[in-house]
Amino acid sequence: MATSIDQARPDSPEARLVIAELESELVGLYPEESSHGYSVDKLLSEGVHFFLVNHDGNPAGCGGIQLYRDYGELKRMFIRPPFRGLGLGRLLIDHLARHARDHDVPLLRLETGIHQHEAIRLYEGMGFERIPPFGPYRPDPLSIFYERPS
């Protein structure tokens, strides 16, 4: 089974499909004021480096990284349910960490929701540690913030 991670435009049909599936999963979990994910338009306007995970020719997931001077923030991390458990999330995080290092960014940070138990296990299993809110974020009882070296 072939897996690839390729840079893509978030407004491509494949990316829109994966992002729409992510949004449909989140909409029932969090109120709008606790939804911090970027829209497709914001991913583009903010210059987020965006990647699609393909598995056996199918769009299996996505993730991006917004690069700042001191850290890169992971954005729109998602593996579609039929592709979970295959290690694709780990591959994607490793890919984004390499991308950060290639751009001399030493630290990864992210925000996730408290109801994304699989994601939380993945992040903590890959060495991410909880931190207070960073950048534009404010305390939110439905959010958890993490960082780790890239």
C-alpha atoms as a PDB file:
ATOM      1  CA  MET A   1       0.000   0.000   0.000  1.00  0.00           C
ATOM      2  CA  ALA A   2       1.491   3.310  -1.110  1.00  0.00           C
ATOM      3  CA  THR A   3       1.333   6.408   1.043  1.00  0.00           C
ATOM      4  CA  SER A   4       2.491   9.864   0.031  1.00  0.00           C
ATOM      5  CA  ILE A   5       2.385  13.287   1.619  1.00  0.00           C
ATOM      6  CA  ASP A   6       2.331  16.053  -0.938  1.00  0.00           C
ATOM      7  CA  GLN A   7       2.063  19.807  -0.718  1.00  0.00           C
ATOM      8  CA  ALA A   8      -1.337  20.872  -2.032  1.00  0.00           C
ATOM      9  CA  ARG A   9      -3.558  23.890  -2.302  1.00  0.00           C
ATOM     10  CA  PRO A  10      -6.255  23.814   0.372  1.00  0.00           C
ATOM     11  CA  ASP A  11      -8.780  24.834  -2.286  1.00  0.00           C
ATOM     12  CA  SER A  12      -8.100  21.768  -4.452  1.00  0.00           C
ATOM     13  CA  PRO A  13     -11.051  19.366  -4.763  1.00  0.00           C
ATOM     14  CA  GLU A  14      -9.285  16.662  -2.725  1.00  0.00           C
ATOM     15  CA  ALA A  15      -8.359  19.082   0.053  1.00  0.00           C
ATOM     16  CA  ARG A  16     -11.870  20.539   0.146  1.00  0.00           C
ATOM     17  CA  LEU A  17     -13.265  17.004   0.520  1.00  0.00           C
ATOM     18  CA  VAL A  18     -11.017  16.222   3.499  1.00  0.00           C
ATOM     19  CA  ILE A  19     -11.531  19.629   5.152  1.00  0.00           C
ATOM     20  CA  ALA A  20     -15.318  19.314   4.763  1.00  0.00           C
ATOM     21  CA  GLU A  21     -15.190  15.906   6.453  1.00  0.00           C
ATOM     22  CA  LEU A  22     -13.119  17.400   9.283  1.00  0.00           C
ATOM     23  CA  GLU A  23     -15.621  20.239   9.690  1.00  0.00           C
ATOM     24  CA  SER A  24     -18.574  17.839   9.777  1.00  0.00           C
ATOM     25  CA  GLU A  25     -16.846  15.865  12.547  1.00  0.00           C
ATOM     26  CA  LEU A  26     -16.167  18.987  14.626  1.00  0.00           C
ATOM     27  CA  VAL A  27     -19.469  20.819  14.204  1.00  0.00           C
ATOM     28  CA  GLY A  28     -21.291  18.622  16.692  1.00  0.00           C
ATOM     29  CA  LEU A  29     -18.492  18.726  19.251  1.00  0.00           C
ATOM     30  CA  TYR A  30     -17.784  22.423  19.740  1.00  0.00           C
ATOM     31  CA  PRO A  31     -19.711  25.694  19.735  1.00  0.00           C
ATOM     32  CA  GLU A  32     -18.662  28.250  17.142  1.00  0.00           C
ATOM     33  CA  GLU A  33     -16.735  30.358  19.693  1.00  0.00           C
ATOM     34  CA  SER A  34     -14.532  27.337  20.467  1.00  0.00           C
ATOM     35  CA  SER A  35     -13.874  26.453  16.818  1.00  0.00           C
ATOM     36  CA  HIS A  36     -10.417  27.735  15.958  1.00  0.00           C
ATOM     37  CA  GLY A  37      -9.815  26.002  12.624  1.00  0.00           C
ATOM     38  CA  TYR A  38      -8.930  28.075   9.592  1.00  0.00           C
ATOM     39  CA  SER A  39     -11.296  28.162   6.640  1.00  0.00           C
ATOM     40  CA  VAL A  40      -9.917  27.266   3.209  1.00  0.00           C
ATOM     41  CA  ASP A  41      -9.727  30.980   2.393  1.00  0.00           C
ATOM     42  CA  LYS A  42      -7.824  31.731   5.603  1.00  0.00           C
ATOM     43  CA  LEU A  43      -5.404  28.847   4.992  1.00  0.00           C
ATOM     44  CA  LEU A  44      -4.607  30.511   1.669  1.00  0.00           C
ATOM     45  CA  SER A  45      -4.489  34.118   2.878  1.00  0.00           C
ATOM     46  CA  GLU A  46      -2.323  33.237   5.899  1.00  0.00           C
ATOM     47  CA  GLY A  47       0.187  31.321   3.768  1.00  0.00           C
ATOM     48  CA  VAL A  48      -0.226  28.032   5.614  1.00  0.00           C
ATOM     49  CA  HIS A  49       1.965  25.308   4.106  1.00  0.00           C
ATOM     50  CA  PHE A  50      -0.688  22.661   3.441  1.00  0.00           C
ATOM     51  CA  PHE A  51      -0.256  18.938   2.730  1.00  0.00           C
ATOM     52  CA  LEU A  52      -2.489  16.055   1.721  1.00  0.00           C
ATOM     53  CA  VAL A  53      -1.921  12.487   2.827  1.00  0.00           C
ATOM     54  CA  ASN A  54      -2.764  10.014   0.071  1.00  0.00           C
ATOM     55  CA  HIS A  55      -3.074   6.299   0.736  1.00  0.00           C
ATOM     56  CA  ASP A  56      -3.509   3.903  -2.172  1.00  0.00           C
ATOM     57  CA  GLY A  57      -4.533   6.816  -4.369  1.00  0.00           C
ATOM     58  CA  ASN A  58      -7.199   8.083  -1.965  1.00  0.00           C
ATOM     59  CA  PRO A  59      -7.139  11.345  -0.002  1.00  0.00           C
ATOM     60  CA  ALA A  60      -6.678  10.035   3.531  1.00  0.00           C
ATOM     61  CA  GLY A  61      -5.955  13.178   5.508  1.00  0.00           C
ATOM     62  CA  CYS A  62      -4.501  16.634   5.641  1.00  0.00           C
ATOM     63  CA  GLY A  63      -2.451  18.974   7.751  1.00  0.00           C
ATOM     64  CA  GLY A  64      -0.726  22.278   7.524  1.00  0.00           C
ATOM     65  CA  ILE A  65       1.834  24.368   9.284  1.00  0.00           C
ATOM     66  CA  GLN A  66       1.870  28.108   9.714  1.00  0.00           C
ATOM     67  CA  LEU A  67       5.449  29.234  10.156  1.00  0.00           C
ATOM     68  CA  TYR A  68       6.433  31.974  12.572  1.00  0.00           C
ATOM     69  CA  ARG A  69       9.919  33.044  13.633  1.00  0.00           C
ATOM     70  CA  ASP A  70      10.058  30.909  16.786  1.00  0.00           C
ATOM     71  CA  TYR A  71       7.526  28.159  16.103  1.00  0.00           C
ATOM     72  CA  GLY A  72       5.334  26.470  13.562  1.00  0.00           C
ATOM     73  CA  GLU A  73       1.683  25.959  14.367  1.00  0.00           C
ATOM     74  CA  LEU A  74       0.055  22.769  13.134  1.00  0.00           C
ATOM     75  CA  LYS A  75      -3.269  23.495  11.441  1.00  0.00           C
ATOM     76  CA  ARG A  76      -6.183  21.409  10.143  1.00  0.00           C
ATOM     77  CA  MET A  77      -4.667  18.084  11.198  1.00  0.00           C
ATOM     78  CA  PHE A  78      -7.055  15.303  10.216  1.00  0.00           C
ATOM     79  CA  ILE A  79      -6.998  11.675   9.162  1.00  0.00           C
ATOM     80  CA  ARG A  80     -10.269  10.410   7.712  1.00  0.00           C
ATOM     81  CA  PRO A  81     -11.866   7.640   9.833  1.00  0.00           C
ATOM     82  CA  PRO A  82     -11.390   4.789   7.317  1.00  0.00           C
ATOM     83  CA  PHE A  83      -7.638   5.482   7.324  1.00  0.00           C
ATOM     84  CA  ARG A  84      -7.081   5.764  11.070  1.00  0.00           C
ATOM     85  CA  GLY A  85      -4.909   3.210  12.799  1.00  0.00           C
ATOM     86  CA  LEU A  86      -2.487   2.972   9.858  1.00  0.00           C
ATOM     87  CA  GLY A  87       0.120   5.330  11.319  1.00  0.00           C
ATOM     88  CA  LEU A  88      -0.709   8.122   8.875  1.00  0.00           C
ATOM     89  CA  GLY A  89      -1.072  10.737  11.612  1.00  0.00           C
ATOM     90  CA  ARG A  90       2.441   9.975  12.831  1.00  0.00           C
ATOM     91  CA  LEU A  91       3.802  10.179   9.291  1.00  0.00           C
ATOM     92  CA  LEU A  92       2.101  13.526   8.783  1.00  0.00           C
ATOM     93  CA  ILE A  93       3.444  15.015  12.019  1.00  0.00           C
ATOM     94  CA  ASP A  94       6.945  13.764  11.172  1.00  0.00           C
ATOM     95  CA  HIS A  95       6.598  15.357   7.727  1.00  0.00           C
ATOM     96  CA  LEU A  96       5.461  18.689   9.193  1.00  0.00           C
ATOM     97  CA  ALA A  97       8.278  18.605  11.755  1.00  0.00           C
ATOM     98  CA  ARG A  98      10.831  18.085   8.945  1.00  0.00           C
ATOM     99  CA  HIS A  99       9.234  20.933   7.025  1.00  0.00           C
ATOM    100  CA  ALA A 100       9.610  23.186  10.087  1.00  0.00           C
ATOM    101  CA  ARG A 101      13.266  22.180  10.550  1.00  0.00           C
ATOM    102  CA  ASP A 102      13.913  22.805   6.833  1.00  0.00           C
ATOM    103  CA  HIS A 103      12.696  26.360   7.453  1.00  0.00           C
ATOM    104  CA  ASP A 104      14.815  26.769  10.620  1.00  0.00           C
ATOM    105  CA  VAL A 105      11.743  26.674  12.876  1.00  0.00           C
ATOM    106  CA  PRO A 106      12.722  24.897  16.108  1.00  0.00           C
ATOM    107  CA  LEU A 107       9.353  24.345  17.786  1.00  0.00           C
ATOM    108  CA  LEU A 108       5.918  22.929  16.925  1.00  0.00           C
ATOM    109  CA  ARG A 109       2.763  24.158  18.622  1.00  0.00           C
ATOM    110  CA  LEU A 110      -0.904  23.336  18.228  1.00  0.00           C
ATOM    111  CA  GLU A 111      -4.379  23.761  19.619  1.00  0.00           C
ATOM    112  CA  THR A 112      -6.860  20.899  19.728  1.00  0.00           C
ATOM    113  CA  GLY A 113     -10.218  20.295  21.299  1.00  0.00           C
ATOM    114  CA  ILE A 114     -10.784  18.294  24.458  1.00  0.00           C
ATOM    115  CA  HIS A 115     -13.151  15.895  22.669  1.00  0.00           C
ATOM    116  CA  GLN A 116     -10.568  14.709  20.117  1.00  0.00           C
ATOM    117  CA  HIS A 117      -9.305  11.819  22.195  1.00  0.00           C
ATOM    118  CA  GLU A 118      -7.495  10.017  19.351  1.00  0.00           C
ATOM    119  CA  ALA A 119      -5.653  13.209  18.408  1.00  0.00           C
ATOM    120  CA  ILE A 120      -4.714  13.891  22.023  1.00  0.00           C
ATOM    121  CA  ARG A 121      -3.275  10.360  22.368  1.00  0.00           C
ATOM    122  CA  LEU A 122      -1.337  10.842  19.140  1.00  0.00           C
ATOM    123  CA  TYR A 123       0.116  14.208  20.155  1.00  0.00           C
ATOM    124  CA  GLU A 124       1.054  13.093  23.649  1.00  0.00           C
ATOM    125  CA  GLY A 125       2.488   9.835  22.273  1.00  0.00           C
ATOM    126  CA  MET A 126       4.693  11.871  19.936  1.00  0.00           C
ATOM    127  CA  GLY A 127       6.165  13.968  22.723  1.00  0.00           C
ATOM    128  CA  PHE A 128       3.918  17.019  22.721  1.00  0.00           C
ATOM    129  CA  GLU A 129       3.526  18.600  26.158  1.00  0.00           C
ATOM    130  CA  ARG A 130       0.686  20.782  27.366  1.00  0.00           C
ATOM    131  CA  ILE A 131       1.290  24.518  27.493  1.00  0.00           C
ATOM    132  CA  PRO A 132      -0.805  27.620  28.210  1.00  0.00           C
ATOM    133  CA  PRO A 133      -2.553  29.351  25.305  1.00  0.00           C
ATOM    134  CA  PHE A 134      -0.125  30.944  22.848  1.00  0.00           C
ATOM    135  CA  GLY A 135      -0.230  33.535  20.082  1.00  0.00           C
ATOM    136  CA  PRO A 136      -3.779  34.771  19.450  1.00  0.00           C
ATOM    137  CA  TYR A 137      -5.440  32.109  21.621  1.00  0.00           C
ATOM    138  CA  ARG A 138      -7.141  32.846  24.911  1.00  0.00           C
ATOM    139  CA  PRO A 139      -8.040  30.358  27.637  1.00  0.00           C
ATOM    140  CA  ASP A 140     -10.912  28.120  26.508  1.00  0.00           C
ATOM    141  CA  PRO A 141     -12.181  25.197  28.590  1.00  0.00           C
ATOM    142  CA  LEU A 142     -12.699  23.227  25.361  1.00  0.00           C
ATOM    143  CA  SER A 143      -9.131  23.697  24.082  1.00  0.00           C
ATOM    144  CA  ILE A 144      -5.788  22.108  24.905  1.00  0.00           C
ATOM    145  CA  PHE A 145      -2.483  23.591  23.739  1.00  0.00           C
ATOM    146  CA  TYR A 146       0.704  21.632  23.055  1.00  0.00           C
ATOM    147  CA  GLU A 147       4.298  22.077  21.927  1.00  0.00           C
ATOM    148  CA  ARG A 148       7.419  20.044  21.249  1.00  0.00           C
ATOM    149  CA  PRO A 149      10.724  20.541  19.468  1.00  0.00           C
ATOM    150  CA  SER A 150      10.423  20.162  15.694  1.00  0.00           C
END
